[in-house]
Amino acid sequence: MLTACTSIVLFYNGYAIVSGFEGIAFGILAFFLLCFSVLGSIIATKSIRTKQA
């Protein structure tokens, strides 16, 4: 969850505050962090479900 919040903040910084090449770099980093956090959440919930079954 913390990674998802971080990616949202980085995306905002890249989009609203920083323009140009640095903004694009923040956007790319935020996108990959968001993908990582979603994938990590899916893996964590699957492992919890298999342990309970």
PDB file of N, CA and C in Angstrom:
ATOM      1  N   MET A   1       0.819  -1.189   0.000  1.00  0.00           N
ATOM      2  CA  MET A   1       0.000   0.000   0.000  1.00  0.00           C
ATOM      3  C   MET A   1       0.867   1.259   0.000  1.00  0.00           C
ATOM      4  N   LEU A   2       1.969   1.189   0.714  1.00  0.00           N
ATOM      5  CA  LEU A   2       2.874   2.329   0.755  1.00  0.00           C
ATOM      6  C   LEU A   2       3.486   2.605  -0.613  1.00  0.00           C
ATOM      7  N   THR A   3       3.767   1.545  -1.361  1.00  0.00           N
ATOM      8  CA  THR A   3       4.326   1.717  -2.706  1.00  0.00           C
ATOM      9  C   THR A   3       3.328   2.380  -3.631  1.00  0.00           C
ATOM     10  N   ALA A   4       2.050   2.035  -3.506  1.00  0.00           N
ATOM     11  CA  ALA A   4       1.027   2.662  -4.335  1.00  0.00           C
ATOM     12  C   ALA A   4       0.909   4.153  -4.013  1.00  0.00           C
ATOM     13  N   CYS A   5       0.970   4.505  -2.739  1.00  0.00           N
ATOM     14  CA  CYS A   5       0.919   5.923  -2.356  1.00  0.00           C
ATOM     15  C   CYS A   5       2.131   6.668  -2.887  1.00  0.00           C
ATOM     16  N   THR A   6       3.286   6.040  -2.815  1.00  0.00           N
ATOM     17  CA  THR A   6       4.501   6.655  -3.328  1.00  0.00           C
ATOM     18  C   THR A   6       4.415   6.884  -4.825  1.00  0.00           C
ATOM     19  N   SER A   7       3.869   5.917  -5.548  1.00  0.00           N
ATOM     20  CA  SER A   7       3.767   6.077  -6.995  1.00  0.00           C
ATOM     21  C   SER A   7       2.788   7.194  -7.353  1.00  0.00           C
ATOM     22  N   ILE A   8       1.733   7.361  -6.588  1.00  0.00           N
ATOM     23  CA  ILE A   8       0.790   8.448  -6.849  1.00  0.00           C
ATOM     24  C   ILE A   8       1.458   9.801  -6.610  1.00  0.00           C
ATOM     25  N   VAL A   9       2.226   9.910  -5.535  1.00  0.00           N
ATOM     26  CA  VAL A   9       2.932  11.162  -5.251  1.00  0.00           C
ATOM     27  C   VAL A   9       3.965  11.458  -6.333  1.00  0.00           C
ATOM     28  N   LEU A  10       4.711  10.447  -6.754  1.00  0.00           N
ATOM     29  CA  LEU A  10       5.703  10.656  -7.804  1.00  0.00           C
ATOM     30  C   LEU A  10       5.048  11.046  -9.122  1.00  0.00           C
ATOM     31  N   PHE A  11       3.914  10.433  -9.426  1.00  0.00           N
ATOM     32  CA  PHE A  11       3.214  10.790 -10.660  1.00  0.00           C
ATOM     33  C   PHE A  11       2.745  12.235 -10.605  1.00  0.00           C
ATOM     34  N   TYR A  12       2.235  12.659  -9.460  1.00  0.00           N
ATOM     35  CA  TYR A  12       1.804  14.045  -9.318  1.00  0.00           C
ATOM     36  C   TYR A  12       2.986  15.006  -9.454  1.00  0.00           C
ATOM     37  N   ASN A  13       4.096  14.667  -8.816  1.00  0.00           N
ATOM     38  CA  ASN A  13       5.285  15.512  -8.928  1.00  0.00           C
ATOM     39  C   ASN A  13       5.747  15.613 -10.375  1.00  0.00           C
ATOM     40  N   GLY A  14       5.741  14.509 -11.071  1.00  0.00           N
ATOM     41  CA  GLY A  14       6.189  14.519 -12.456  1.00  0.00           C
ATOM     42  C   GLY A  14       5.231  15.244 -13.375  1.00  0.00           C
ATOM     43  N   TYR A  15       3.951  15.178 -13.088  1.00  0.00           N
ATOM     44  CA  TYR A  15       2.953  15.771 -13.978  1.00  0.00           C
ATOM     45  C   TYR A  15       2.715  17.249 -13.690  1.00  0.00           C
ATOM     46  N   ALA A  16       2.580  17.608 -12.440  1.00  0.00           N
ATOM     47  CA  ALA A  16       2.172  18.969 -12.095  1.00  0.00           C
ATOM     48  C   ALA A  16       3.345  19.891 -11.778  1.00  0.00           C
ATOM     49  N   ILE A  17       4.327  19.388 -11.076  1.00  0.00           N
ATOM     50  CA  ILE A  17       5.387  20.259 -10.594  1.00  0.00           C
ATOM     51  C   ILE A  17       6.561  20.322 -11.577  1.00  0.00           C
ATOM     52  N   VAL A  18       7.065  19.171 -11.975  1.00  0.00           N
ATOM     53  CA  VAL A  18       8.238  19.115 -12.837  1.00  0.00           C
ATOM     54  C   VAL A  18       7.775  18.888 -14.271  1.00  0.00           C
ATOM     55  N   SER A  19       8.309  19.684 -15.181  1.00  0.00           N
ATOM     56  CA  SER A  19       7.953  19.486 -16.589  1.00  0.00           C
ATOM     57  C   SER A  19       9.191  19.069 -17.369  1.00  0.00           C
ATOM     58  N   GLY A  20       8.968  18.526 -18.537  1.00  0.00           N
ATOM     59  CA  GLY A  20      10.080  18.134 -19.390  1.00  0.00           C
ATOM     60  C   GLY A  20      10.542  16.720 -19.134  1.00  0.00           C
ATOM     61  N   PHE A  21      11.825  16.509 -19.352  1.00  0.00           N
ATOM     62  CA  PHE A  21      12.395  15.160 -19.252  1.00  0.00           C
ATOM     63  C   PHE A  21      12.294  14.607 -17.840  1.00  0.00           C
ATOM     64  N   GLU A  22      12.510  15.432 -16.834  1.00  0.00           N
ATOM     65  CA  GLU A  22      12.428  14.955 -15.454  1.00  0.00           C
ATOM     66  C   GLU A  22      11.010  14.512 -15.113  1.00  0.00           C
ATOM     67  N   GLY A  23      10.016  15.223 -15.622  1.00  0.00           N
ATOM     68  CA  GLY A  23       8.630  14.835 -15.390  1.00  0.00           C
ATOM     69  C   GLY A  23       8.296  13.487 -15.999  1.00  0.00           C
ATOM     70  N   ILE A  24       8.841  13.237 -17.184  1.00  0.00           N
ATOM     71  CA  ILE A  24       8.622  11.939 -17.829  1.00  0.00           C
ATOM     72  C   ILE A  24       9.283  10.828 -17.017  1.00  0.00           C
ATOM     73  N   ALA A  25      10.470  11.100 -16.486  1.00  0.00           N
ATOM     74  CA  ALA A  25      11.163  10.096 -15.667  1.00  0.00           C
ATOM     75  C   ALA A  25      10.365   9.775 -14.406  1.00  0.00           C
ATOM     76  N   PHE A  26       9.805  10.803 -13.763  1.00  0.00           N
ATOM     77  CA  PHE A  26       8.961  10.564 -12.593  1.00  0.00           C
ATOM     78  C   PHE A  26       7.724   9.759 -12.975  1.00  0.00           C
ATOM     79  N   GLY A  27       7.136  10.051 -14.121  1.00  0.00           N
ATOM     80  CA  GLY A  27       5.955   9.316 -14.570  1.00  0.00           C
ATOM     81  C   GLY A  27       6.243   7.855 -14.835  1.00  0.00           C
ATOM     82  N   ILE A  28       7.375   7.578 -15.478  1.00  0.00           N
ATOM     83  CA  ILE A  28       7.751   6.185 -15.758  1.00  0.00           C
ATOM     84  C   ILE A  28       8.018   5.439 -14.457  1.00  0.00           C
ATOM     85  N   LEU A  29       8.733   6.080 -13.532  1.00  0.00           N
ATOM     86  CA  LEU A  29       9.000   5.454 -12.238  1.00  0.00           C
ATOM     87  C   LEU A  29       7.706   5.181 -11.487  1.00  0.00           C
ATOM     88  N   ALA A  30       6.778   6.132 -11.523  1.00  0.00           N
ATOM     89  CA  ALA A  30       5.501   5.952 -10.837  1.00  0.00           C
ATOM     90  C   ALA A  30       4.702   4.813 -11.448  1.00  0.00           C
ATOM     91  N   PHE A  31       4.736   4.693 -12.775  1.00  0.00           N
ATOM     92  CA  PHE A  31       4.004   3.610 -13.437  1.00  0.00           C
ATOM     93  C   PHE A  31       4.534   2.248 -13.020  1.00  0.00           C
ATOM     94  N   PHE A  32       5.854   2.085 -13.017  1.00  0.00           N
ATOM     95  CA  PHE A  32       6.420   0.794 -12.636  1.00  0.00           C
ATOM     96  C   PHE A  32       6.231   0.500 -11.152  1.00  0.00           C
ATOM     97  N   LEU A  33       6.282   1.515 -10.306  1.00  0.00           N
ATOM     98  CA  LEU A  33       6.009   1.301  -8.879  1.00  0.00           C
ATOM     99  C   LEU A  33       4.561   0.875  -8.656  1.00  0.00           C
ATOM    100  N   LEU A  34       3.643   1.470  -9.414  1.00  0.00           N
ATOM    101  CA  LEU A  34       2.242   1.096  -9.284  1.00  0.00           C
ATOM    102  C   LEU A  34       2.024  -0.346  -9.733  1.00  0.00           C
ATOM    103  N   CYS A  35       2.635  -0.730 -10.843  1.00  0.00           N
ATOM    104  CA  CYS A  35       2.539  -2.124 -11.300  1.00  0.00           C
ATOM    105  C   CYS A  35       3.121  -3.077 -10.264  1.00  0.00           C
ATOM    106  N   PHE A  36       4.257  -2.706  -9.687  1.00  0.00           N
ATOM    107  CA  PHE A  36       4.896  -3.536  -8.667  1.00  0.00           C
ATOM    108  C   PHE A  36       4.008  -3.689  -7.444  1.00  0.00           C
ATOM    109  N   SER A  37       3.362  -2.611  -7.015  1.00  0.00           N
ATOM    110  CA  SER A  37       2.530  -2.687  -5.818  1.00  0.00           C
ATOM    111  C   SER A  37       1.267  -3.513  -6.064  1.00  0.00           C
ATOM    112  N   VAL A  38       0.683  -3.391  -7.244  1.00  0.00           N
ATOM    113  CA  VAL A  38      -0.505  -4.195  -7.560  1.00  0.00           C
ATOM    114  C   VAL A  38      -0.134  -5.672  -7.620  1.00  0.00           C
ATOM    115  N   LEU A  39       0.971  -5.987  -8.278  1.00  0.00           N
ATOM    116  CA  LEU A  39       1.408  -7.380  -8.370  1.00  0.00           C
ATOM    117  C   LEU A  39       1.751  -7.936  -6.989  1.00  0.00           C
ATOM    118  N   GLY A  40       2.409  -7.141  -6.154  1.00  0.00           N
ATOM    119  CA  GLY A  40       2.721  -7.588  -4.797  1.00  0.00           C
ATOM    120  C   GLY A  40       1.479  -7.834  -3.961  1.00  0.00           C
ATOM    121  N   SER A  41       0.460  -6.991  -4.132  1.00  0.00           N
ATOM    122  CA  SER A  41      -0.792  -7.188  -3.402  1.00  0.00           C
ATOM    123  C   SER A  41      -1.494  -8.464  -3.840  1.00  0.00           C
ATOM    124  N   ILE A  42      -1.478  -8.750  -5.134  1.00  0.00           N
ATOM    125  CA  ILE A  42      -2.101  -9.969  -5.648  1.00  0.00           C
ATOM    126  C   ILE A  42      -1.377 -11.203  -5.114  1.00  0.00           C
ATOM    127  N   ILE A  43      -0.060 -11.174  -5.138  1.00  0.00           N
ATOM    128  CA  ILE A  43       0.712 -12.317  -4.638  1.00  0.00           C
ATOM    129  C   ILE A  43       0.475 -12.503  -3.142  1.00  0.00           C
ATOM    130  N   ALA A  44       0.413 -11.423  -2.382  1.00  0.00           N
ATOM    131  CA  ALA A  44       0.208 -11.528  -0.942  1.00  0.00           C
ATOM    132  C   ALA A  44      -1.165 -12.097  -0.609  1.00  0.00           C
ATOM    133  N   THR A  45      -2.202 -11.670  -1.330  1.00  0.00           N
ATOM    134  CA  THR A  45      -3.542 -12.191  -1.020  1.00  0.00           C
ATOM    135  C   THR A  45      -3.677 -13.636  -1.461  1.00  0.00           C
ATOM    136  N   LYS A  46      -3.000 -14.044  -2.531  1.00  0.00           N
ATOM    137  CA  LYS A  46      -3.068 -15.441  -2.948  1.00  0.00           C
ATOM    138  C   LYS A  46      -2.394 -16.351  -1.923  1.00  0.00           C
ATOM    139  N   SER A  47      -1.254 -15.916  -1.377  1.00  0.00           N
ATOM    140  CA  SER A  47      -0.568 -16.754  -0.412  1.00  0.00           C
ATOM    141  C   SER A  47      -1.350 -16.854   0.898  1.00  0.00           C
ATOM    142  N   ILE A  48      -2.066 -15.810   1.262  1.00  0.00           N
ATOM    143  CA  ILE A  48      -2.903 -15.853   2.470  1.00  0.00           C
ATOM    144  C   ILE A  48      -4.078 -16.806   2.246  1.00  0.00           C
ATOM    145  N   ARG A  49      -4.685 -16.761   1.078  1.00  0.00           N
ATOM    146  CA  ARG A  49      -5.819 -17.642   0.796  1.00  0.00           C
ATOM    147  C   ARG A  49      -5.405 -19.105   0.791  1.00  0.00           C
ATOM    148  N   THR A  50      -4.226 -19.436   0.242  1.00  0.00           N
ATOM    149  CA  THR A  50      -3.810 -20.827   0.187  1.00  0.00           C
ATOM    150  C   THR A  50      -3.441 -21.346   1.571  1.00  0.00           C
ATOM    151  N   LYS A  51      -2.948 -20.498   2.461  1.00  0.00           N
ATOM    152  CA  LYS A  51      -2.617 -20.932   3.813  1.00  0.00           C
ATOM    153  C   LYS A  51      -3.889 -21.187   4.626  1.00  0.00           C
ATOM    154  N   GLN A  52      -4.961 -20.444   4.364  1.00  0.00           N
ATOM    155  CA  GLN A  52      -6.198 -20.612   5.105  1.00  0.00           C
ATOM    156  C   GLN A  52      -6.982 -21.835   4.641  1.00  0.00           C
ATOM    157  N   ALA A  53      -6.788 -22.246   3.405  1.00  0.00           N
ATOM    158  CA  ALA A  53      -7.564 -23.380   2.881  1.00  0.00           C
ATOM    159  C   ALA A  53      -7.087 -24.709   3.357  1.00  0.00           C
TER     160      ALA A  53
END
